């Protein structure tokens, strides 16, 4: 009976060690901007999230959210980054230096301001308020000669005051 208990503790310890090693590999992949790989690796680890301690869980959610953000999946990013904020708490438990500030900035950029559950699409390239609404080019007035009609548009011109 004692042998079973010792064996269970050893297996649990080995599992935690392997999980920590995998998280270090994932962090390295994130630093190397291998975001697609990071998402795949984290998807594989997601069933193990309940077994993670809180700091490791905060890192998991942060990396999953930031990788999704870098890949342009803003709804997914908002989901995981909100989880990271909740698990990390106000002191940023589990997050690396600089991650808490990046987390807060990204959440501000993604959090919807209107009545929607979709994340905003941040960035200087568009001024679209929410996902699903048409994106408006940041610079208007420039005609695209490659567009059909040689730059002419069917939209009415804005009245000049």
C-alpha atoms as a PDB file:
ATOM      1  CA  UNK A   1       0.000   0.000   0.000  1.00  0.00           C
ATOM      2  CA  UNK A   2       2.842   2.401   0.820  1.00  0.00           C
ATOM      3  CA  UNK A   3       4.481   1.528  -2.512  1.00  0.00           C
ATOM      4  CA  UNK A   4       1.365   2.645  -4.390  1.00  0.00           C
ATOM      5  CA  UNK A   5       1.377   5.973  -2.555  1.00  0.00           C
ATOM      6  CA  UNK A   6       5.057   6.516  -3.314  1.00  0.00           C
ATOM      7  CA  UNK A   7       4.519   5.549  -6.942  1.00  0.00           C
ATOM      8  CA  UNK A   8       1.593   7.980  -7.250  1.00  0.00           C
ATOM      9  CA  UNK A   9       3.678  10.822  -5.797  1.00  0.00           C
ATOM     10  CA  UNK A  10       6.569  10.027  -8.152  1.00  0.00           C
ATOM     11  CA  UNK A  11       4.292   9.923 -11.195  1.00  0.00           C
ATOM     12  CA  UNK A  12       2.602  13.157 -10.182  1.00  0.00           C
ATOM     13  CA  UNK A  13       5.985  14.812  -9.688  1.00  0.00           C
ATOM     14  CA  UNK A  14       7.199  13.558 -13.059  1.00  0.00           C
ATOM     15  CA  UNK A  15       4.036  14.846 -14.725  1.00  0.00           C
ATOM     16  CA  UNK A  16       4.439  18.292 -13.160  1.00  0.00           C
ATOM     17  CA  UNK A  17       8.088  18.430 -14.165  1.00  0.00           C
ATOM     18  CA  UNK A  18       7.231  17.462 -17.740  1.00  0.00           C
ATOM     19  CA  UNK A  19       4.485  20.085 -17.823  1.00  0.00           C
ATOM     20  CA  UNK A  20       6.883  22.770 -16.581  1.00  0.00           C
ATOM     21  CA  UNK A  21       9.429  21.767 -19.210  1.00  0.00           C
ATOM     22  CA  UNK A  22       6.769  21.975 -21.909  1.00  0.00           C
ATOM     23  CA  UNK A  23       5.739  25.433 -20.729  1.00  0.00           C
ATOM     24  CA  UNK A  24       9.370  26.587 -20.924  1.00  0.00           C
ATOM     25  CA  UNK A  25       9.554  25.279 -24.502  1.00  0.00           C
ATOM     26  CA  UNK A  26       6.329  27.118 -25.335  1.00  0.00           C
ATOM     27  CA  UNK A  27       7.652  30.353 -23.808  1.00  0.00           C
ATOM     28  CA  UNK A  28      10.778  30.027 -25.937  1.00  0.00           C
ATOM     29  CA  UNK A  29       8.616  29.517 -29.024  1.00  0.00           C
ATOM     30  CA  UNK A  30       6.642  32.645 -28.163  1.00  0.00           C
ATOM     31  CA  UNK A  31       9.848  34.696 -27.733  1.00  0.00           C
ATOM     32  CA  UNK A  32      10.947  33.410 -31.166  1.00  0.00           C
ATOM     33  CA  UNK A  33       7.613  34.570 -32.691  1.00  0.00           C
ATOM     34  CA  UNK A  34       6.558  31.007 -33.568  1.00  0.00           C
ATOM     35  CA  UNK A  35       2.940  31.807 -32.716  1.00  0.00           C
ATOM     36  CA  UNK A  36       1.338  29.048 -34.804  1.00  0.00           C
ATOM     37  CA  UNK A  37       3.503  26.467 -33.034  1.00  0.00           C
ATOM     38  CA  UNK A  38       2.705  28.001 -29.652  1.00  0.00           C
ATOM     39  CA  UNK A  39      -1.043  27.704 -30.288  1.00  0.00           C
ATOM     40  CA  UNK A  40      -0.699  24.049 -31.344  1.00  0.00           C
ATOM     41  CA  UNK A  41       1.422  23.195 -28.298  1.00  0.00           C
ATOM     42  CA  UNK A  42      -0.932  24.994 -25.923  1.00  0.00           C
ATOM     43  CA  UNK A  43      -3.972  23.333 -27.483  1.00  0.00           C
ATOM     44  CA  UNK A  44      -2.302  19.997 -26.719  1.00  0.00           C
ATOM     45  CA  UNK A  45      -1.729  21.081 -23.098  1.00  0.00           C
ATOM     46  CA  UNK A  46      -5.207  22.501 -22.509  1.00  0.00           C
ATOM     47  CA  UNK A  47      -6.566  19.288 -20.920  1.00  0.00           C
ATOM     48  CA  UNK A  48      -3.804  19.637 -18.283  1.00  0.00           C
ATOM     49  CA  UNK A  49      -4.758  23.191 -17.263  1.00  0.00           C
ATOM     50  CA  UNK A  50      -6.772  22.087 -14.196  1.00  0.00           C
ATOM     51  CA  UNK A  51      -3.679  20.274 -12.854  1.00  0.00           C
ATOM     52  CA  UNK A  52      -1.491  23.389 -13.194  1.00  0.00           C
ATOM     53  CA  UNK A  53      -0.775  25.601 -10.227  1.00  0.00           C
ATOM     54  CA  UNK A  54      -2.075  29.179 -10.466  1.00  0.00           C
ATOM     55  CA  UNK A  55       1.154  30.829 -11.670  1.00  0.00           C
ATOM     56  CA  UNK A  56       1.582  28.230 -14.417  1.00  0.00           C
ATOM     57  CA  UNK A  57      -2.087  28.572 -15.379  1.00  0.00           C
ATOM     58  CA  UNK A  58      -1.676  32.361 -15.637  1.00  0.00           C
ATOM     59  CA  UNK A  59       1.315  31.866 -17.963  1.00  0.00           C
ATOM     60  CA  UNK A  60      -0.659  29.337 -20.031  1.00  0.00           C
ATOM     61  CA  UNK A  61      -3.586  31.734 -20.507  1.00  0.00           C
ATOM     62  CA  UNK A  62      -1.283  34.692 -21.188  1.00  0.00           C
ATOM     63  CA  UNK A  63       0.724  32.863 -23.850  1.00  0.00           C
ATOM     64  CA  UNK A  64      -2.423  31.421 -25.454  1.00  0.00           C
ATOM     65  CA  UNK A  65      -4.046  34.838 -25.570  1.00  0.00           C
ATOM     66  CA  UNK A  66      -1.022  36.745 -26.829  1.00  0.00           C
ATOM     67  CA  UNK A  67      -0.302  34.126 -29.507  1.00  0.00           C
ATOM     68  CA  UNK A  68      -3.921  34.386 -30.689  1.00  0.00           C
ATOM     69  CA  UNK A  69      -3.612  38.174 -30.692  1.00  0.00           C
ATOM     70  CA  UNK A  70      -0.425  38.053 -32.767  1.00  0.00           C
ATOM     71  CA  UNK A  71      -2.195  35.748 -35.228  1.00  0.00           C
ATOM     72  CA  UNK A  72      -5.167  38.134 -35.509  1.00  0.00           C
ATOM     73  CA  UNK A  73      -7.704  36.000 -33.646  1.00  0.00           C
ATOM     74  CA  UNK A  74      -8.929  38.812 -31.424  1.00  0.00           C
ATOM     75  CA  UNK A  75     -11.964  37.054 -29.912  1.00  0.00           C
ATOM     76  CA  UNK A  76      -9.785  34.130 -28.830  1.00  0.00           C
ATOM     77  CA  UNK A  77      -7.152  36.543 -27.539  1.00  0.00           C
ATOM     78  CA  UNK A  78      -9.690  38.469 -25.472  1.00  0.00           C
ATOM     79  CA  UNK A  79     -10.990  35.234 -23.940  1.00  0.00           C
ATOM     80  CA  UNK A  80      -7.613  33.865 -22.863  1.00  0.00           C
ATOM     81  CA  UNK A  81      -6.160  37.203 -21.783  1.00  0.00           C
ATOM     82  CA  UNK A  82      -9.184  37.854 -19.558  1.00  0.00           C
ATOM     83  CA  UNK A  83      -8.581  34.437 -17.980  1.00  0.00           C
ATOM     84  CA  UNK A  84      -4.893  35.281 -17.510  1.00  0.00           C
ATOM     85  CA  UNK A  85      -5.809  38.550 -15.756  1.00  0.00           C
ATOM     86  CA  UNK A  86      -8.204  36.761 -13.405  1.00  0.00           C
ATOM     87  CA  UNK A  87      -5.810  33.932 -12.531  1.00  0.00           C
ATOM     88  CA  UNK A  88      -2.783  36.233 -12.141  1.00  0.00           C
ATOM     89  CA  UNK A  89      -4.688  38.609  -9.895  1.00  0.00           C
ATOM     90  CA  UNK A  90      -3.745  42.203  -9.203  1.00  0.00           C
ATOM     91  CA  UNK A  91      -0.131  41.323  -8.400  1.00  0.00           C
ATOM     92  CA  UNK A  92       0.463  39.501 -11.731  1.00  0.00           C
ATOM     93  CA  UNK A  93       1.160  36.163 -10.024  1.00  0.00           C
ATOM     94  CA  UNK A  94       2.918  33.878 -12.502  1.00  0.00           C
ATOM     95  CA  UNK A  95       3.517  36.458 -15.216  1.00  0.00           C
ATOM     96  CA  UNK A  96       7.025  37.334 -16.342  1.00  0.00           C
ATOM     97  CA  UNK A  97       8.406  40.857 -16.011  1.00  0.00           C
ATOM     98  CA  UNK A  98       6.673  43.146 -18.484  1.00  0.00           C
ATOM     99  CA  UNK A  99       3.869  40.682 -19.217  1.00  0.00           C
ATOM    100  CA  UNK A 100       1.381  42.346 -16.844  1.00  0.00           C
ATOM    101  CA  UNK A 101       1.728  45.716 -18.590  1.00  0.00           C
ATOM    102  CA  UNK A 102       1.420  44.041 -22.010  1.00  0.00           C
ATOM    103  CA  UNK A 103      -1.620  42.101 -20.787  1.00  0.00           C
ATOM    104  CA  UNK A 104      -3.346  45.270 -19.580  1.00  0.00           C
ATOM    105  CA  UNK A 105      -2.559  47.196 -22.793  1.00  0.00           C
ATOM    106  CA  UNK A 106      -3.801  44.389 -25.013  1.00  0.00           C
ATOM    107  CA  UNK A 107      -6.990  43.936 -23.002  1.00  0.00           C
ATOM    108  CA  UNK A 108      -7.745  47.661 -23.276  1.00  0.00           C
ATOM    109  CA  UNK A 109      -7.234  47.455 -27.041  1.00  0.00           C
ATOM    110  CA  UNK A 110      -9.431  44.347 -27.419  1.00  0.00           C
ATOM    111  CA  UNK A 111     -12.248  44.940 -24.951  1.00  0.00           C
ATOM    112  CA  UNK A 112     -15.433  45.966 -26.776  1.00  0.00           C
ATOM    113  CA  UNK A 113     -16.796  49.418 -26.131  1.00  0.00           C
ATOM    114  CA  UNK A 114     -20.243  48.771 -27.582  1.00  0.00           C
ATOM    115  CA  UNK A 115     -22.962  46.204 -27.078  1.00  0.00           C
ATOM    116  CA  UNK A 116     -21.169  43.201 -28.535  1.00  0.00           C
ATOM    117  CA  UNK A 117     -19.353  40.121 -27.347  1.00  0.00           C
ATOM    118  CA  UNK A 118     -16.707  40.394 -30.053  1.00  0.00           C
ATOM    119  CA  UNK A 119     -13.274  41.824 -29.439  1.00  0.00           C
ATOM    120  CA  UNK A 120     -12.254  45.030 -31.091  1.00  0.00           C
ATOM    121  CA  UNK A 121      -9.714  44.762 -33.896  1.00  0.00           C
ATOM    122  CA  UNK A 122      -6.964  47.094 -32.753  1.00  0.00           C
ATOM    123  CA  UNK A 123      -4.336  48.593 -34.966  1.00  0.00           C
ATOM    124  CA  UNK A 124      -3.543  51.649 -37.020  1.00  0.00           C
ATOM    125  CA  UNK A 125      -4.560  49.919 -40.236  1.00  0.00           C
ATOM    126  CA  UNK A 126      -8.294  50.118 -39.486  1.00  0.00           C
ATOM    127  CA  UNK A 127     -10.760  52.253 -37.619  1.00  0.00           C
ATOM    128  CA  UNK A 128     -13.509  49.612 -37.469  1.00  0.00           C
ATOM    129  CA  UNK A 129     -15.165  49.735 -34.069  1.00  0.00           C
ATOM    130  CA  UNK A 130     -16.034  46.084 -33.613  1.00  0.00           C
ATOM    131  CA  UNK A 131     -15.376  42.814 -35.360  1.00  0.00           C
ATOM    132  CA  UNK A 132     -18.029  42.223 -37.972  1.00  0.00           C
ATOM    133  CA  UNK A 133     -18.395  45.897 -38.807  1.00  0.00           C
ATOM    134  CA  UNK A 134     -16.750  47.104 -41.997  1.00  0.00           C
ATOM    135  CA  UNK A 135     -13.220  48.248 -41.477  1.00  0.00           C
ATOM    136  CA  UNK A 136     -12.544  51.796 -42.547  1.00  0.00           C
ATOM    137  CA  UNK A 137      -9.077  52.499 -43.914  1.00  0.00           C
ATOM    138  CA  UNK A 138      -7.082  54.671 -41.549  1.00  0.00           C
ATOM    139  CA  UNK A 139      -6.290  57.066 -44.374  1.00  0.00           C
ATOM    140  CA  UNK A 140      -9.240  58.018 -46.534  1.00  0.00           C
ATOM    141  CA  UNK A 141      -9.304  59.916 -49.749  1.00  0.00           C
ATOM    142  CA  UNK A 142      -6.609  57.916 -51.489  1.00  0.00           C
ATOM    143  CA  UNK A 143      -7.913  56.138 -54.544  1.00  0.00           C
ATOM    144  CA  UNK A 144      -6.634  52.727 -55.483  1.00  0.00           C
ATOM    145  CA  UNK A 145      -5.810  52.689 -59.187  1.00  0.00           C
ATOM    146  CA  UNK A 146      -5.831  48.873 -59.105  1.00  0.00           C
ATOM    147  CA  UNK A 147      -9.481  48.783 -58.047  1.00  0.00           C
ATOM    148  CA  UNK A 148     -12.208  48.230 -60.649  1.00  0.00           C
ATOM    149  CA  UNK A 149     -13.034  51.505 -62.380  1.00  0.00           C
ATOM    150  CA  UNK A 150      -9.494  52.844 -62.020  1.00  0.00           C
ATOM    151  CA  UNK A 151     -10.085  54.316 -58.578  1.00  0.00           C
ATOM    152  CA  UNK A 152     -13.631  55.530 -59.093  1.00  0.00           C
ATOM    153  CA  UNK A 153     -16.095  54.474 -56.421  1.00  0.00           C
ATOM    154  CA  UNK A 154     -19.837  54.043 -56.372  1.00  0.00           C
ATOM    155  CA  UNK A 155     -20.078  55.671 -52.949  1.00  0.00           C
ATOM    156  CA  UNK A 156     -21.363  59.243 -52.861  1.00  0.00           C
ATOM    157  CA  UNK A 157     -18.807  61.877 -52.008  1.00  0.00           C
ATOM    158  CA  UNK A 158     -18.967  63.497 -48.597  1.00  0.00           C
ATOM    159  CA  UNK A 159     -20.486  66.972 -48.807  1.00  0.00           C
ATOM    160  CA  UNK A 160     -17.942  69.746 -48.494  1.00  0.00           C
ATOM    161  CA  UNK A 161     -18.925  72.355 -45.886  1.00  0.00           C
END
